[in-house]
C-alpha atoms as a PDB file:
ATOM      1  CA  UNK A   1     251.218 151.431  67.869  1.00  0.00           C
ATOM      2  CA  UNK A   2     252.394 153.571  64.962  1.00  0.00           C
ATOM      3  CA  UNK A   3     255.959 154.754  64.749  1.00  0.00           C
ATOM      4  CA  UNK A   4     257.696 157.631  63.030  1.00  0.00           C
ATOM      5  CA  UNK A   5     261.288 157.683  61.750  1.00  0.00           C
ATOM      6  CA  UNK A   6     263.073 160.654  63.334  1.00  0.00           C
ATOM      7  CA  UNK A   7     266.667 160.273  62.198  1.00  0.00           C
ATOM      8  CA  UNK A   8     269.514 158.048  61.113  1.00  0.00           C
ATOM      9  CA  UNK A   9     272.723 157.222  62.939  1.00  0.00           C
ATOM     10  CA  UNK A  10     275.688 158.232  60.796  1.00  0.00           C
ATOM     11  CA  UNK A  11     278.566 157.246  63.082  1.00  0.00           C
ATOM     12  CA  UNK A  12     279.827 156.566  66.555  1.00  0.00           C
ATOM     13  CA  UNK A  13     281.119 159.723  68.256  1.00  0.00           C
ATOM     14  CA  UNK A  14     283.941 159.517  70.765  1.00  0.00           C
ATOM     15  CA  UNK A  15     284.789 156.665  73.116  1.00  0.00           C
ATOM     16  CA  UNK A  16     281.828 156.686  75.525  1.00  0.00           C
ATOM     17  CA  UNK A  17     279.019 155.370  73.297  1.00  0.00           C
ATOM     18  CA  UNK A  18     277.706 158.623  71.889  1.00  0.00           C
ATOM     19  CA  UNK A  19     275.976 158.471  68.481  1.00  0.00           C
ATOM     20  CA  UNK A  20     275.902 161.134  65.760  1.00  0.00           C
ATOM     21  CA  UNK A  21     272.380 161.268  64.314  1.00  0.00           C
ATOM     22  CA  UNK A  22     271.163 163.044  61.180  1.00  0.00           C
ATOM     23  CA  UNK A  23     267.834 164.530  62.213  1.00  0.00           C
ATOM     24  CA  UNK A  24     264.686 164.276  60.083  1.00  0.00           C
ATOM     25  CA  UNK A  25     263.134 167.118  62.110  1.00  0.00           C
ATOM     26  CA  UNK A  26     263.072 170.666  60.770  1.00  0.00           C
ATOM     27  CA  UNK A  27     264.369 171.664  64.200  1.00  0.00           C
ATOM     28  CA  UNK A  28     266.990 169.223  65.467  1.00  0.00           C
ATOM     29  CA  UNK A  29     266.427 170.520  69.028  1.00  0.00           C
ATOM     30  CA  UNK A  30     263.268 168.368  69.081  1.00  0.00           C
ATOM     31  CA  UNK A  31     265.578 165.490  70.063  1.00  0.00           C
ATOM     32  CA  UNK A  32     266.109 167.271  73.401  1.00  0.00           C
ATOM     33  CA  UNK A  33     262.533 166.510  74.552  1.00  0.00           C
ATOM     34  CA  UNK A  34     262.390 162.874  73.452  1.00  0.00           C
ATOM     35  CA  UNK A  35     262.577 160.182  76.134  1.00  0.00           C
ATOM     36  CA  UNK A  36     262.679 156.797  74.364  1.00  0.00           C
ATOM     37  CA  UNK A  37     263.797 155.700  70.933  1.00  0.00           C
ATOM     38  CA  UNK A  38     264.020 152.439  69.008  1.00  0.00           C
ATOM     39  CA  UNK A  39     266.801 151.403  66.667  1.00  0.00           C
ATOM     40  CA  UNK A  40     265.664 149.838  63.394  1.00  0.00           C
ATOM     41  CA  UNK A  41     267.214 146.430  64.119  1.00  0.00           C
ATOM     42  CA  UNK A  42     265.771 146.211  67.621  1.00  0.00           C
ATOM     43  CA  UNK A  43     262.245 145.631  68.885  1.00  0.00           C
ATOM     44  CA  UNK A  44     262.581 147.348  72.283  1.00  0.00           C
ATOM     45  CA  UNK A  45     262.905 151.032  73.038  1.00  0.00           C
ATOM     46  CA  UNK A  46     265.957 152.502  74.747  1.00  0.00           C
ATOM     47  CA  UNK A  47     266.062 155.455  77.114  1.00  0.00           C
ATOM     48  CA  UNK A  48     267.795 158.536  75.746  1.00  0.00           C
ATOM     49  CA  UNK A  49     270.235 159.471  78.506  1.00  0.00           C
ATOM     50  CA  UNK A  50     271.766 162.595  76.987  1.00  0.00           C
ATOM     51  CA  UNK A  51     271.340 164.825  73.918  1.00  0.00           C
ATOM     52  CA  UNK A  52     273.330 167.682  72.464  1.00  0.00           C
ATOM     53  CA  UNK A  53     272.617 169.420  69.172  1.00  0.00           C
ATOM     54  CA  UNK A  54     274.911 170.891  66.556  1.00  0.00           C
ATOM     55  CA  UNK A  55     273.362 172.052  63.270  1.00  0.00           C
ATOM     56  CA  UNK A  56     271.422 169.251  61.541  1.00  0.00           C
ATOM     57  CA  UNK A  57     272.910 166.655  63.874  1.00  0.00           C
ATOM     58  CA  UNK A  58     271.949 165.411  67.315  1.00  0.00           C
ATOM     59  CA  UNK A  59     274.520 163.620  69.428  1.00  0.00           C
ATOM     60  CA  UNK A  60     272.733 161.135  71.651  1.00  0.00           C
ATOM     61  CA  UNK A  61     273.721 158.741  74.392  1.00  0.00           C
ATOM     62  CA  UNK A  62     271.423 155.721  74.665  1.00  0.00           C
ATOM     63  CA  UNK A  63     270.924 153.395  77.588  1.00  0.00           C
ATOM     64  CA  UNK A  64     273.095 150.289  77.145  1.00  0.00           C
ATOM     65  CA  UNK A  65     275.446 151.858  74.596  1.00  0.00           C
ATOM     66  CA  UNK A  66     278.476 152.593  76.746  1.00  0.00           C
ATOM     67  CA  UNK A  67     281.555 152.424  74.535  1.00  0.00           C
ATOM     68  CA  UNK A  68     282.790 152.923  70.988  1.00  0.00           C
ATOM     69  CA  UNK A  69     282.372 149.241  70.022  1.00  0.00           C
ATOM     70  CA  UNK A  70     278.725 149.187  71.104  1.00  0.00           C
ATOM     71  CA  UNK A  71     278.123 152.489  69.305  1.00  0.00           C
ATOM     72  CA  UNK A  72     279.701 151.134  66.104  1.00  0.00           C
ATOM     73  CA  UNK A  73     277.091 148.343  66.003  1.00  0.00           C
ATOM     74  CA  UNK A  74     274.362 151.017  65.814  1.00  0.00           C
ATOM     75  CA  UNK A  75     275.724 152.794  62.725  1.00  0.00           C
ATOM     76  CA  UNK A  76     273.451 153.426  59.730  1.00  0.00           C
ATOM     77  CA  UNK A  77     270.267 152.464  61.585  1.00  0.00           C
ATOM     78  CA  UNK A  78     267.162 154.597  61.473  1.00  0.00           C
ATOM     79  CA  UNK A  79     265.660 155.717  64.758  1.00  0.00           C
ATOM     80  CA  UNK A  80     261.948 155.502  65.574  1.00  0.00           C
ATOM     81  CA  UNK A  81     259.598 156.898  68.194  1.00  0.00           C
ATOM     82  CA  UNK A  82     255.898 156.369  68.780  1.00  0.00           C
ATOM     83  CA  UNK A  83     253.423 158.883  67.379  1.00  0.00           C
ATOM     84  CA  UNK A  84     252.222 159.447  70.933  1.00  0.00           C
ATOM     85  CA  UNK A  85     255.702 160.495  72.080  1.00  0.00           C
ATOM     86  CA  UNK A  86     256.104 162.742  69.058  1.00  0.00           C
ATOM     87  CA  UNK A  87     252.756 164.419  69.825  1.00  0.00           C
ATOM     88  CA  UNK A  88     253.922 165.022  73.414  1.00  0.00           C
ATOM     89  CA  UNK A  89     257.191 166.484  72.112  1.00  0.00           C
ATOM     90  CA  UNK A  90     255.185 169.013  70.099  1.00  0.00           C
ATOM     91  CA  UNK A  91     252.741 169.623  72.963  1.00  0.00           C
ATOM     92  CA  UNK A  92     249.626 168.443  71.142  1.00  0.00           C
ATOM     93  CA  UNK A  93     247.060 165.669  71.360  1.00  0.00           C
ATOM     94  CA  UNK A  94     246.437 165.460  67.616  1.00  0.00           C
ATOM     95  CA  UNK A  95     249.475 165.179  65.416  1.00  0.00           C
ATOM     96  CA  UNK A  96     249.201 165.460  61.625  1.00  0.00           C
ATOM     97  CA  UNK A  97     252.354 164.452  59.785  1.00  0.00           C
ATOM     98  CA  UNK A  98     253.150 165.176  56.165  1.00  0.00           C
ATOM     99  CA  UNK A  99     252.735 161.502  55.241  1.00  0.00           C
ATOM    100  CA  UNK A 100     249.211 161.584  56.747  1.00  0.00           C
ATOM    101  CA  UNK A 101     247.902 164.078  54.190  1.00  0.00           C
ATOM    102  CA  UNK A 102     248.658 161.929  51.141  1.00  0.00           C
ATOM    103  CA  UNK A 103     245.233 161.436  49.562  1.00  0.00           C
ATOM    104  CA  UNK A 104     243.720 164.565  51.160  1.00  0.00           C
ATOM    105  CA  UNK A 105     241.760 166.956  48.935  1.00  0.00           C
ATOM    106  CA  UNK A 106     243.199 170.481  48.552  1.00  0.00           C
ATOM    107  CA  UNK A 107     240.615 173.275  48.854  1.00  0.00           C
ATOM    108  CA  UNK A 108     241.366 176.764  47.542  1.00  0.00           C
ATOM    109  CA  UNK A 109     238.690 179.508  47.570  1.00  0.00           C
ATOM    110  CA  UNK A 110     236.054 176.900  48.435  1.00  0.00           C
ATOM    111  CA  UNK A 111     236.853 174.763  45.375  1.00  0.00           C
ATOM    112  CA  UNK A 112     238.594 171.402  45.145  1.00  0.00           C
ATOM    113  CA  UNK A 113     241.928 171.750  43.365  1.00  0.00           C
ATOM    114  CA  UNK A 114     242.802 168.062  43.482  1.00  0.00           C
ATOM    115  CA  UNK A 115     244.275 165.324  45.642  1.00  0.00           C
ATOM    116  CA  UNK A 116     247.716 165.348  47.286  1.00  0.00           C
ATOM    117  CA  UNK A 117     249.573 162.429  45.712  1.00  0.00           C
ATOM    118  CA  UNK A 118     253.117 163.046  46.910  1.00  0.00           C
ATOM    119  CA  UNK A 119     255.328 165.174  49.130  1.00  0.00           C
ATOM    120  CA  UNK A 120     258.933 165.406  48.006  1.00  0.00           C
ATOM    121  CA  UNK A 121     261.979 167.278  49.201  1.00  0.00           C
ATOM    122  CA  UNK A 122     264.640 168.205  46.683  1.00  0.00           C
ATOM    123  CA  UNK A 123     266.786 170.010  49.254  1.00  0.00           C
ATOM    124  CA  UNK A 124     265.227 173.477  49.440  1.00  0.00           C
ATOM    125  CA  UNK A 125     262.000 172.395  51.149  1.00  0.00           C
ATOM    126  CA  UNK A 126     258.980 170.178  50.802  1.00  0.00           C
ATOM    127  CA  UNK A 127     256.958 170.224  47.571  1.00  0.00           C
ATOM    128  CA  UNK A 128     253.306 169.116  47.420  1.00  0.00           C
ATOM    129  CA  UNK A 129     252.235 167.350  44.245  1.00  0.00           C
ATOM    130  CA  UNK A 130     248.502 167.760  43.646  1.00  0.00           C
ATOM    131  CA  UNK A 131     246.700 165.730  41.021  1.00  0.00           C
ATOM    132  CA  UNK A 132     243.775 167.679  39.589  1.00  0.00           C
ATOM    133  CA  UNK A 133     241.208 166.670  37.003  1.00  0.00           C
ATOM    134  CA  UNK A 134     242.932 168.603  34.229  1.00  0.00           C
ATOM    135  CA  UNK A 135     246.520 168.990  35.387  1.00  0.00           C
ATOM    136  CA  UNK A 136     249.052 168.083  38.051  1.00  0.00           C
ATOM    137  CA  UNK A 137     250.323 170.957  40.177  1.00  0.00           C
ATOM    138  CA  UNK A 138     253.411 171.335  42.326  1.00  0.00           C
ATOM    139  CA  UNK A 139     253.580 173.889  45.126  1.00  0.00           C
ATOM    140  CA  UNK A 140     256.204 174.492  47.819  1.00  0.00           C
ATOM    141  CA  UNK A 141     254.957 173.714  51.313  1.00  0.00           C
ATOM    142  CA  UNK A 142     255.745 177.104  52.852  1.00  0.00           C
ATOM    143  CA  UNK A 143     254.609 178.291  56.283  1.00  0.00           C
ATOM    144  CA  UNK A 144     251.676 180.463  55.241  1.00  0.00           C
ATOM    145  CA  UNK A 145     250.302 178.185  52.512  1.00  0.00           C
ATOM    146  CA  UNK A 146     248.218 175.804  54.642  1.00  0.00           C
ATOM    147  CA  UNK A 147     245.482 177.533  56.621  1.00  0.00           C
ATOM    148  CA  UNK A 148     243.745 174.470  58.034  1.00  0.00           C
ATOM    149  CA  UNK A 149     243.913 170.694  57.932  1.00  0.00           C
ATOM    150  CA  UNK A 150     240.578 168.898  58.422  1.00  0.00           C
ATOM    151  CA  UNK A 151     241.477 165.337  59.388  1.00  0.00           C
ATOM    152  CA  UNK A 152     237.817 164.252  59.676  1.00  0.00           C
ATOM    153  CA  UNK A 153     237.026 165.139  56.055  1.00  0.00           C
ATOM    154  CA  UNK A 154     240.572 164.596  54.765  1.00  0.00           C
ATOM    155  CA  UNK A 155     240.907 168.122  53.402  1.00  0.00           C
ATOM    156  CA  UNK A 156     243.675 170.721  53.359  1.00  0.00           C
ATOM    157  CA  UNK A 157     242.604 174.351  53.017  1.00  0.00           C
ATOM    158  CA  UNK A 158     245.203 176.612  51.415  1.00  0.00           C
ATOM    159  CA  UNK A 159     245.657 180.366  51.265  1.00  0.00           C
ATOM    160  CA  UNK A 160     244.470 181.257  47.752  1.00  0.00           C
ATOM    161  CA  UNK A 161     246.866 184.194  47.289  1.00  0.00           C
ATOM    162  CA  UNK A 162     249.948 182.145  48.259  1.00  0.00           C
ATOM    163  CA  UNK A 163     248.736 179.114  46.320  1.00  0.00           C
ATOM    164  CA  UNK A 164     248.204 181.107  43.115  1.00  0.00           C
ATOM    165  CA  UNK A 165     251.620 182.777  43.497  1.00  0.00           C
ATOM    166  CA  UNK A 166     253.507 179.537  44.080  1.00  0.00           C
ATOM    167  CA  UNK A 167     251.744 176.690  42.203  1.00  0.00           C
ATOM    168  CA  UNK A 168     253.195 175.514  38.898  1.00  0.00           C
ATOM    169  CA  UNK A 169     251.743 173.003  36.491  1.00  0.00           C
ATOM    170  CA  UNK A 170     253.813 169.855  36.130  1.00  0.00           C
ATOM    171  CA  UNK A 171     252.126 169.141  32.787  1.00  0.00           C
ATOM    172  CA  UNK A 172     253.327 172.302  31.015  1.00  0.00           C
ATOM    173  CA  UNK A 173     256.396 172.049  28.789  1.00  0.00           C
END
């Protein structure tokens, strides 16, 4: 069973065991459809009893965490869910995460550009790093860049116009 990190507890909130969680989701409201979650230092999943969202933070109430002292013991832990639950949350059977495409070949206009070697986020959005035969390219992972992801052949097809507008060579000085 594969798991995905979905957030990190930053502090206890209030007196009744609520936890303030920094969300790793682009849309923090995704926490509202999750059912079970596992804390990093635990092996069993806990039921999510209640969720409210404010900006980049979700405030969650977990089964068995009923007061401030119990909530304080959860601080700074990452939260995990199964890939299956995440797929259900997004209403899909096949879920492709950013980390899954590391090693995929990028295809632009029918030609191989190179292999995805890294996805980084410097604060403004995700950046794909693509290692080509002659140079290494970086391109922001914007909504209309990726046209298709072929998981069987480990390929990512990109919109050539957007790719050519946005890609920069990492090797140029």
